[in-house]
Amino acid sequence: METWHIVVTGLVQGVGYRAACAGQATSLGLGGWVRNRQDGSVEVMAYGAPEQLEALCAWMRRGPPGARVSTLQAGPGEGEFDGFGWLPTV
């Protein structure tokens, strides 16, 4: 099991990205959280098997209808999580 920190930029706020991302992460069996950042990006901390995390990143590169992802950065994260939730914007 691994924890990944993932940040996407582009048109990813105001298009249902957080809700869709949380749903996708839950359906993949991941733990962690998602939140908007004041710079317009969306940040995720996800915990699970590498294959699950790779599947989440593949989805995050596309996002929900209406999203336009410009960049995705993924690297090592911290923590182990049960369930997937939303955090307040930072």
PDB file of N, CA and C in Angstrom:
ATOM      1  N   MET A   1       0.847  -1.180   0.000  1.00  0.00           N
ATOM      2  CA  MET A   1       0.000   0.000   0.000  1.00  0.00           C
ATOM      3  C   MET A   1       0.890   1.240   0.000  1.00  0.00           C
ATOM      4  N   GLU A   2       0.435   2.244  -0.741  1.00  0.00           N
ATOM      5  CA  GLU A   2       1.186   3.483  -0.875  1.00  0.00           C
ATOM      6  C   GLU A   2       0.246   4.676  -0.717  1.00  0.00           C
ATOM      7  N   THR A   3       0.840   5.825  -0.426  1.00  0.00           N
ATOM      8  CA  THR A   3       0.089   7.075  -0.398  1.00  0.00           C
ATOM      9  C   THR A   3       0.699   8.007  -1.429  1.00  0.00           C
ATOM     10  N   TRP A   4      -0.160   8.545  -2.296  1.00  0.00           N
ATOM     11  CA  TRP A   4       0.286   9.479  -3.334  1.00  0.00           C
ATOM     12  C   TRP A   4      -0.354  10.841  -3.112  1.00  0.00           C
ATOM     13  N   HIS A   5       0.427  11.882  -3.344  1.00  0.00           N
ATOM     14  CA  HIS A   5      -0.050  13.261  -3.334  1.00  0.00           C
ATOM     15  C   HIS A   5      -0.180  13.674  -4.805  1.00  0.00           C
ATOM     16  N   ILE A   6      -1.364  14.110  -5.210  1.00  0.00           N
ATOM     17  CA  ILE A   6      -1.651  14.398  -6.613  1.00  0.00           C
ATOM     18  C   ILE A   6      -2.254  15.802  -6.702  1.00  0.00           C
ATOM     19  N   VAL A   7      -1.772  16.589  -7.654  1.00  0.00           N
ATOM     20  CA  VAL A   7      -2.306  17.930  -7.884  1.00  0.00           C
ATOM     21  C   VAL A   7      -2.598  18.076  -9.373  1.00  0.00           C
ATOM     22  N   VAL A   8      -3.817  18.520  -9.695  1.00  0.00           N
ATOM     23  CA  VAL A   8      -4.175  18.794 -11.083  1.00  0.00           C
ATOM     24  C   VAL A   8      -4.463  20.280 -11.234  1.00  0.00           C
ATOM     25  N   THR A   9      -4.105  20.815 -12.410  1.00  0.00           N
ATOM     26  CA  THR A   9      -4.382  22.206 -12.742  1.00  0.00           C
ATOM     27  C   THR A   9      -5.182  22.247 -14.033  1.00  0.00           C
ATOM     28  N   GLY A  10      -5.728  23.402 -14.296  1.00  0.00           N
ATOM     29  CA  GLY A  10      -6.549  23.614 -15.485  1.00  0.00           C
ATOM     30  C   GLY A  10      -7.926  24.088 -15.051  1.00  0.00           C
ATOM     31  N   LEU A  11      -8.929  23.775 -15.855  1.00  0.00           N
ATOM     32  CA  LEU A  11     -10.309  24.084 -15.489  1.00  0.00           C
ATOM     33  C   LEU A  11     -10.834  22.914 -14.668  1.00  0.00           C
ATOM     34  N   VAL A  12     -10.527  22.948 -13.366  1.00  0.00           N
ATOM     35  CA  VAL A  12     -10.857  21.824 -12.488  1.00  0.00           C
ATOM     36  C   VAL A  12     -11.671  22.249 -11.265  1.00  0.00           C
ATOM     37  N   GLN A  13     -12.035  23.525 -11.186  1.00  0.00           N
ATOM     38  CA  GLN A  13     -12.928  23.982 -10.124  1.00  0.00           C
ATOM     39  C   GLN A  13     -14.193  24.514 -10.771  1.00  0.00           C
ATOM     40  N   GLY A  14     -15.324  24.272 -10.106  1.00  0.00           N
ATOM     41  CA  GLY A  14     -16.606  24.739 -10.609  1.00  0.00           C
ATOM     42  C   GLY A  14     -17.212  23.841 -11.670  1.00  0.00           C
ATOM     43  N   VAL A  15     -16.644  22.642 -11.837  1.00  0.00           N
ATOM     44  CA  VAL A  15     -17.137  21.705 -12.854  1.00  0.00           C
ATOM     45  C   VAL A  15     -17.467  20.331 -12.252  1.00  0.00           C
ATOM     46  N   GLY A  16     -17.533  20.263 -10.913  1.00  0.00           N
ATOM     47  CA  GLY A  16     -17.850  18.998 -10.250  1.00  0.00           C
ATOM     48  C   GLY A  16     -16.672  18.049 -10.131  1.00  0.00           C
ATOM     49  N   TYR A  17     -15.468  18.569 -10.281  1.00  0.00           N
ATOM     50  CA  TYR A  17     -14.278  17.715 -10.260  1.00  0.00           C
ATOM     51  C   TYR A  17     -14.102  17.021  -8.907  1.00  0.00           C
ATOM     52  N   ARG A  18     -14.204  17.769  -7.806  1.00  0.00           N
ATOM     53  CA  ARG A  18     -14.000  17.162  -6.471  1.00  0.00           C
ATOM     54  C   ARG A  18     -14.969  16.030  -6.209  1.00  0.00           C
ATOM     55  N   ALA A  19     -16.243  16.270  -6.467  1.00  0.00           N
ATOM     56  CA  ALA A  19     -17.253  15.239  -6.207  1.00  0.00           C
ATOM     57  C   ALA A  19     -17.012  14.010  -7.072  1.00  0.00           C
ATOM     58  N   ALA A  20     -16.729  14.238  -8.346  1.00  0.00           N
ATOM     59  CA  ALA A  20     -16.485  13.109  -9.247  1.00  0.00           C
ATOM     60  C   ALA A  20     -15.216  12.367  -8.860  1.00  0.00           C
ATOM     61  N   CYS A  21     -14.190  13.105  -8.434  1.00  0.00           N
ATOM     62  CA  CYS A  21     -12.934  12.484  -8.015  1.00  0.00           C
ATOM     63  C   CYS A  21     -13.148  11.633  -6.756  1.00  0.00           C
ATOM     64  N   ALA A  22     -13.886  12.177  -5.808  1.00  0.00           N
ATOM     65  CA  ALA A  22     -14.172  11.409  -4.587  1.00  0.00           C
ATOM     66  C   ALA A  22     -14.951  10.146  -4.923  1.00  0.00           C
ATOM     67  N   GLY A  23     -15.911  10.241  -5.834  1.00  0.00           N
ATOM     68  CA  GLY A  23     -16.663   9.061  -6.255  1.00  0.00           C
ATOM     69  C   GLY A  23     -15.782   8.037  -6.934  1.00  0.00           C
ATOM     70  N   GLN A  24     -14.886   8.493  -7.796  1.00  0.00           N
ATOM     71  CA  GLN A  24     -13.978   7.583  -8.492  1.00  0.00           C
ATOM     72  C   GLN A  24     -13.032   6.908  -7.500  1.00  0.00           C
ATOM     73  N   ALA A  25     -12.473   7.677  -6.582  1.00  0.00           N
ATOM     74  CA  ALA A  25     -11.563   7.115  -5.585  1.00  0.00           C
ATOM     75  C   ALA A  25     -12.277   6.081  -4.712  1.00  0.00           C
ATOM     76  N   THR A  26     -13.504   6.386  -4.319  1.00  0.00           N
ATOM     77  CA  THR A  26     -14.283   5.442  -3.513  1.00  0.00           C
ATOM     78  C   THR A  26     -14.554   4.167  -4.299  1.00  0.00           C
ATOM     79  N   SER A  27     -14.913   4.309  -5.562  1.00  0.00           N
ATOM     80  CA  SER A  27     -15.201   3.118  -6.374  1.00  0.00           C
ATOM     81  C   SER A  27     -13.949   2.274  -6.592  1.00  0.00           C
ATOM     82  N   LEU A  28     -12.781   2.894  -6.541  1.00  0.00           N
ATOM     83  CA  LEU A  28     -11.523   2.151  -6.670  1.00  0.00           C
ATOM     84  C   LEU A  28     -11.065   1.557  -5.345  1.00  0.00           C
ATOM     85  N   GLY A  29     -11.763   1.893  -4.253  1.00  0.00           N
ATOM     86  CA  GLY A  29     -11.404   1.353  -2.943  1.00  0.00           C
ATOM     87  C   GLY A  29     -10.272   2.101  -2.265  1.00  0.00           C
ATOM     88  N   LEU A  30     -10.049   3.349  -2.655  1.00  0.00           N
ATOM     89  CA  LEU A  30      -8.969   4.142  -2.074  1.00  0.00           C
ATOM     90  C   LEU A  30      -9.429   4.894  -0.840  1.00  0.00           C
ATOM     91  N   GLY A  31      -8.493   5.203   0.025  1.00  0.00           N
ATOM     92  CA  GLY A  31      -8.724   6.099   1.138  1.00  0.00           C
ATOM     93  C   GLY A  31      -8.044   7.416   0.848  1.00  0.00           C
ATOM     94  N   GLY A  32      -8.443   8.459   1.558  1.00  0.00           N
ATOM     95  CA  GLY A  32      -7.780   9.743   1.404  1.00  0.00           C
ATOM     96  C   GLY A  32      -8.732  10.898   1.383  1.00  0.00           C
ATOM     97  N   TRP A  33      -8.334  11.967   0.676  1.00  0.00           N
ATOM     98  CA  TRP A  33      -9.140  13.177   0.630  1.00  0.00           C
ATOM     99  C   TRP A  33      -8.863  13.962  -0.647  1.00  0.00           C
ATOM    100  N   VAL A  34      -9.788  14.881  -0.942  1.00  0.00           N
ATOM    101  CA  VAL A  34      -9.664  15.801  -2.070  1.00  0.00           C
ATOM    102  C   VAL A  34     -10.061  17.188  -1.593  1.00  0.00           C
ATOM    103  N   ARG A  35      -9.408  18.229  -2.134  1.00  0.00           N
ATOM    104  CA  ARG A  35      -9.792  19.601  -1.796  1.00  0.00           C
ATOM    105  C   ARG A  35      -9.375  20.547  -2.916  1.00  0.00           C
ATOM    106  N   ASN A  36     -10.100  21.648  -3.004  1.00  0.00           N
ATOM    107  CA  ASN A  36      -9.709  22.742  -3.883  1.00  0.00           C
ATOM    108  C   ASN A  36      -8.613  23.537  -3.204  1.00  0.00           C
ATOM    109  N   ARG A  37      -7.775  24.171  -4.031  1.00  0.00           N
ATOM    110  CA  ARG A  37      -6.776  25.095  -3.510  1.00  0.00           C
ATOM    111  C   ARG A  37      -7.074  26.481  -4.071  1.00  0.00           C
ATOM    112  N   GLN A  38      -6.696  27.485  -3.335  1.00  0.00           N
ATOM    113  CA  GLN A  38      -7.004  28.859  -3.733  1.00  0.00           C
ATOM    114  C   GLN A  38      -6.358  29.243  -5.060  1.00  0.00           C
ATOM    115  N   ASP A  39      -5.330  28.524  -5.488  1.00  0.00           N
ATOM    116  CA  ASP A  39      -4.684  28.835  -6.766  1.00  0.00           C
ATOM    117  C   ASP A  39      -5.443  28.255  -7.959  1.00  0.00           C
ATOM    118  N   GLY A  40      -6.604  27.613  -7.706  1.00  0.00           N
ATOM    119  CA  GLY A  40      -7.427  27.059  -8.777  1.00  0.00           C
ATOM    120  C   GLY A  40      -7.174  25.602  -9.074  1.00  0.00           C
ATOM    121  N   SER A  41      -6.207  24.999  -8.395  1.00  0.00           N
ATOM    122  CA  SER A  41      -5.915  23.578  -8.601  1.00  0.00           C
ATOM    123  C   SER A  41      -6.762  22.715  -7.667  1.00  0.00           C
ATOM    124  N   VAL A  42      -6.704  21.414  -7.880  1.00  0.00           N
ATOM    125  CA  VAL A  42      -7.339  20.431  -7.001  1.00  0.00           C
ATOM    126  C   VAL A  42      -6.239  19.504  -6.491  1.00  0.00           C
ATOM    127  N   GLU A  43      -6.259  19.260  -5.188  1.00  0.00           N
ATOM    128  CA  GLU A  43      -5.241  18.463  -4.516  1.00  0.00           C
ATOM    129  C   GLU A  43      -5.875  17.196  -3.947  1.00  0.00           C
ATOM    130  N   VAL A  44      -5.163  16.080  -4.088  1.00  0.00           N
ATOM    131  CA  VAL A  44      -5.638  14.785  -3.596  1.00  0.00           C
ATOM    132  C   VAL A  44      -4.520  14.103  -2.817  1.00  0.00           C
ATOM    133  N   MET A  45      -4.869  13.469  -1.709  1.00  0.00           N
ATOM    134  CA  MET A  45      -3.987  12.553  -1.003  1.00  0.00           C
ATOM    135  C   MET A  45      -4.719  11.216  -1.038  1.00  0.00           C
ATOM    136  N   ALA A  46      -4.137  10.226  -1.708  1.00  0.00           N
ATOM    137  CA  ALA A  46      -4.828   8.952  -1.912  1.00  0.00           C
ATOM    138  C   ALA A  46      -3.965   7.806  -1.417  1.00  0.00           C
ATOM    139  N   TYR A  47      -4.626   6.833  -0.765  1.00  0.00           N
ATOM    140  CA  TYR A  47      -3.952   5.690  -0.153  1.00  0.00           C
ATOM    141  C   TYR A  47      -4.551   4.400  -0.693  1.00  0.00           C
ATOM    142  N   GLY A  48      -3.684   3.528  -1.219  1.00  0.00           N
ATOM    143  CA  GLY A  48      -4.153   2.245  -1.724  1.00  0.00           C
ATOM    144  C   GLY A  48      -3.041   1.510  -2.438  1.00  0.00           C
ATOM    145  N   ALA A  49      -3.414   0.482  -3.183  1.00  0.00           N
ATOM    146  CA  ALA A  49      -2.455  -0.292  -3.961  1.00  0.00           C
ATOM    147  C   ALA A  49      -2.003   0.528  -5.168  1.00  0.00           C
ATOM    148  N   PRO A  50      -0.759   0.342  -5.616  1.00  0.00           N
ATOM    149  CA  PRO A  50      -0.266   1.119  -6.753  1.00  0.00           C
ATOM    150  C   PRO A  50      -1.169   1.058  -7.986  1.00  0.00           C
ATOM    151  N   GLU A  51      -1.764  -0.093  -8.263  1.00  0.00           N
ATOM    152  CA  GLU A  51      -2.645  -0.212  -9.431  1.00  0.00           C
ATOM    153  C   GLU A  51      -3.883   0.670  -9.270  1.00  0.00           C
ATOM    154  N   GLN A  52      -4.416   0.726  -8.058  1.00  0.00           N
ATOM    155  CA  GLN A  52      -5.574   1.580  -7.794  1.00  0.00           C
ATOM    156  C   GLN A  52      -5.199   3.048  -7.958  1.00  0.00           C
ATOM    157  N   LEU A  53      -4.034   3.426  -7.454  1.00  0.00           N
ATOM    158  CA  LEU A  53      -3.573   4.804  -7.548  1.00  0.00           C
ATOM    159  C   LEU A  53      -3.314   5.198  -8.996  1.00  0.00           C
ATOM    160  N   GLU A  54      -2.754   4.295  -9.775  1.00  0.00           N
ATOM    161  CA  GLU A  54      -2.531   4.566 -11.196  1.00  0.00           C
ATOM    162  C   GLU A  54      -3.860   4.758 -11.921  1.00  0.00           C
ATOM    163  N   ALA A  55      -4.857   3.944 -11.560  1.00  0.00           N
ATOM    164  CA  ALA A  55      -6.186   4.081 -12.177  1.00  0.00           C
ATOM    165  C   ALA A  55      -6.802   5.432 -11.820  1.00  0.00           C
ATOM    166  N   LEU A  56      -6.628   5.884 -10.586  1.00  0.00           N
ATOM    167  CA  LEU A  56      -7.143   7.198 -10.198  1.00  0.00           C
ATOM    168  C   LEU A  56      -6.452   8.293 -11.003  1.00  0.00           C
ATOM    169  N   CYS A  57      -5.139   8.219 -11.137  1.00  0.00           N
ATOM    170  CA  CYS A  57      -4.406   9.230 -11.915  1.00  0.00           C
ATOM    171  C   CYS A  57      -4.877   9.245 -13.363  1.00  0.00           C
ATOM    172  N   ALA A  58      -5.124   8.083 -13.942  1.00  0.00           N
ATOM    173  CA  ALA A  58      -5.612   8.028 -15.323  1.00  0.00           C
ATOM    174  C   ALA A  58      -6.949   8.745 -15.430  1.00  0.00           C
ATOM    175  N   TRP A  59      -7.841   8.508 -14.459  1.00  0.00           N
ATOM    176  CA  TRP A  59      -9.133   9.208 -14.463  1.00  0.00           C
ATOM    177  C   TRP A  59      -8.925  10.711 -14.257  1.00  0.00           C
ATOM    178  N   MET A  60      -8.047  11.083 -13.322  1.00  0.00           N
ATOM    179  CA  MET A  60      -7.833  12.496 -13.003  1.00  0.00           C
ATOM    180  C   MET A  60      -7.273  13.275 -14.189  1.00  0.00           C
ATOM    181  N   ARG A  61      -6.552  12.621 -15.077  1.00  0.00           N
ATOM    182  CA  ARG A  61      -6.038  13.309 -16.267  1.00  0.00           C
ATOM    183  C   ARG A  61      -7.181  13.746 -17.187  1.00  0.00           C
ATOM    184  N   ARG A  62      -8.294  13.017 -17.149  1.00  0.00           N
ATOM    185  CA  ARG A  62      -9.472  13.357 -17.960  1.00  0.00           C
ATOM    186  C   ARG A  62     -10.455  14.194 -17.150  1.00  0.00           C
ATOM    187  N   GLY A  63     -10.796  13.714 -15.949  1.00  0.00           N
ATOM    188  CA  GLY A  63     -11.774  14.386 -15.103  1.00  0.00           C
ATOM    189  C   GLY A  63     -13.186  14.190 -15.623  1.00  0.00           C
ATOM    190  N   PRO A  64     -14.146  14.846 -14.987  1.00  0.00           N
ATOM    191  CA  PRO A  64     -15.544  14.738 -15.398  1.00  0.00           C
ATOM    192  C   PRO A  64     -15.802  15.604 -16.629  1.00  0.00           C
ATOM    193  N   PRO A  65     -16.975  15.428 -17.268  1.00  0.00           N
ATOM    194  CA  PRO A  65     -17.321  16.312 -18.386  1.00  0.00           C
ATOM    195  C   PRO A  65     -17.261  17.773 -17.922  1.00  0.00           C
ATOM    196  N   GLY A  66     -16.723  18.622 -18.740  1.00  0.00           N
ATOM    197  CA  GLY A  66     -16.597  20.033 -18.392  1.00  0.00           C
ATOM    198  C   GLY A  66     -15.230  20.409 -17.859  1.00  0.00           C
ATOM    199  N   ALA A  67     -14.487  19.445 -17.347  1.00  0.00           N
ATOM    200  CA  ALA A  67     -13.145  19.729 -16.845  1.00  0.00           C
ATOM    201  C   ALA A  67     -12.155  19.744 -18.007  1.00  0.00           C
ATOM    202  N   ARG A  68     -11.133  20.542 -17.860  1.00  0.00           N
ATOM    203  CA  ARG A  68     -10.031  20.586 -18.826  1.00  0.00           C
ATOM    204  C   ARG A  68      -8.738  20.551 -18.023  1.00  0.00           C
ATOM    205  N   VAL A  69      -8.160  19.382 -17.886  1.00  0.00           N
ATOM    206  CA  VAL A  69      -6.954  19.210 -17.082  1.00  0.00           C
ATOM    207  C   VAL A  69      -5.732  19.622 -17.908  1.00  0.00           C
ATOM    208  N   SER A  70      -4.936  20.529 -17.358  1.00  0.00           N
ATOM    209  CA  SER A  70      -3.706  20.976 -18.016  1.00  0.00           C
ATOM    210  C   SER A  70      -2.512  20.145 -17.579  1.00  0.00           C
ATOM    211  N   THR A  71      -2.348  19.976 -16.250  1.00  0.00           N
ATOM    212  CA  THR A  71      -1.220  19.210 -15.730  1.00  0.00           C
ATOM    213  C   THR A  71      -1.672  18.317 -14.589  1.00  0.00           C
ATOM    214  N   LEU A  72      -0.944  17.227 -14.395  1.00  0.00           N
ATOM    215  CA  LEU A  72      -1.121  16.352 -13.240  1.00  0.00           C
ATOM    216  C   LEU A  72       0.265  16.066 -12.695  1.00  0.00           C
ATOM    217  N   GLN A  73       0.455  16.340 -11.412  1.00  0.00           N
ATOM    218  CA  GLN A  73       1.711  16.025 -10.738  1.00  0.00           C
ATOM    219  C   GLN A  73       1.407  15.036  -9.626  1.00  0.00           C
ATOM    220  N   ALA A  74       2.115  13.918  -9.612  1.00  0.00           N
ATOM    221  CA  ALA A  74       1.930  12.897  -8.581  1.00  0.00           C
ATOM    222  C   ALA A  74       3.277  12.561  -7.964  1.00  0.00           C
ATOM    223  N   GLY A  75       3.271  12.404  -6.647  1.00  0.00           N
ATOM    224  CA  GLY A  75       4.484  12.042  -5.929  1.00  0.00           C
ATOM    225  C   GLY A  75       4.122  11.381  -4.620  1.00  0.00           C
ATOM    226  N   PRO A  76       5.121  11.034  -3.835  1.00  0.00           N
ATOM    227  CA  PRO A  76       4.852  10.392  -2.551  1.00  0.00           C
ATOM    228  C   PRO A  76       4.034  11.291  -1.634  1.00  0.00           C
ATOM    229  N   GLY A  77       3.105  10.680  -0.926  1.00  0.00           N
ATOM    230  CA  GLY A  77       2.285  11.397   0.043  1.00  0.00           C
ATOM    231  C   GLY A  77       2.501  10.835   1.428  1.00  0.00           C
ATOM    232  N   GLU A  78       1.684  11.300   2.363  1.00  0.00           N
ATOM    233  CA  GLU A  78       1.799  10.863   3.754  1.00  0.00           C
ATOM    234  C   GLU A  78       0.440  10.465   4.296  1.00  0.00           C
ATOM    235  N   GLY A  79       0.435   9.445   5.135  1.00  0.00           N
ATOM    236  CA  GLY A  79      -0.762   9.036   5.843  1.00  0.00           C
ATOM    237  C   GLY A  79      -1.378   7.760   5.292  1.00  0.00           C
ATOM    238  N   GLU A  80      -2.190   7.154   6.128  1.00  0.00           N
ATOM    239  CA  GLU A  80      -2.997   5.994   5.762  1.00  0.00           C
ATOM    240  C   GLU A  80      -4.428   6.348   6.103  1.00  0.00           C
ATOM    241  N   PHE A  81      -5.353   6.063   5.184  1.00  0.00           N
ATOM    242  CA  PHE A  81      -6.724   6.551   5.326  1.00  0.00           C
ATOM    243  C   PHE A  81      -7.735   5.443   5.102  1.00  0.00           C
ATOM    244  N   ASP A  82      -8.790   5.472   5.892  1.00  0.00           N
ATOM    245  CA  ASP A  82      -9.970   4.636   5.683  1.00  0.00           C
ATOM    246  C   ASP A  82     -11.054   5.563   5.149  1.00  0.00           C
ATOM    247  N   GLY A  83     -11.603   5.262   3.996  1.00  0.00           N
ATOM    248  CA  GLY A  83     -12.633   6.100   3.419  1.00  0.00           C
ATOM    249  C   GLY A  83     -12.026   7.293   2.703  1.00  0.00           C
ATOM    250  N   PHE A  84     -12.853   7.932   1.880  1.00  0.00           N
ATOM    251  CA  PHE A  84     -12.391   9.063   1.077  1.00  0.00           C
ATOM    252  C   PHE A  84     -13.322  10.228   1.294  1.00  0.00           C
ATOM    253  N   GLY A  85     -12.775  11.411   1.609  1.00  0.00           N
ATOM    254  CA  GLY A  85     -13.626  12.558   1.904  1.00  0.00           C
ATOM    255  C   GLY A  85     -13.106  13.846   1.294  1.00  0.00           C
ATOM    256  N   TRP A  86     -13.811  14.921   1.595  1.00  0.00           N
ATOM    257  CA  TRP A  86     -13.466  16.271   1.126  1.00  0.00           C
ATOM    258  C   TRP A  86     -12.896  17.049   2.290  1.00  0.00           C
ATOM    259  N   LEU A  87     -11.919  17.884   2.006  1.00  0.00           N
ATOM    260  CA  LEU A  87     -11.379  18.819   2.991  1.00  0.00           C
ATOM    261  C   LEU A  87     -11.695  20.243   2.525  1.00  0.00           C
ATOM    262  N   PRO A  88     -11.677  21.202   3.447  1.00  0.00           N
ATOM    263  CA  PRO A  88     -11.912  22.595   3.059  1.00  0.00           C
ATOM    264  C   PRO A  88     -10.814  23.118   2.134  1.00  0.00           C
ATOM    265  N   THR A  89     -11.161  24.109   1.350  1.00  0.00           N
ATOM    266  CA  THR A  89     -10.211  24.772   0.460  1.00  0.00           C
ATOM    267  C   THR A  89      -9.086  25.408   1.272  1.00  0.00           C
ATOM    268  N   VAL A  90      -7.873  25.302   0.729  1.00  0.00           N
ATOM    269  CA  VAL A  90      -6.708  25.967   1.363  1.00  0.00           C
ATOM    270  C   VAL A  90      -6.049  26.902   0.376  1.00  0.00           C
TER     271      VAL A  90
END
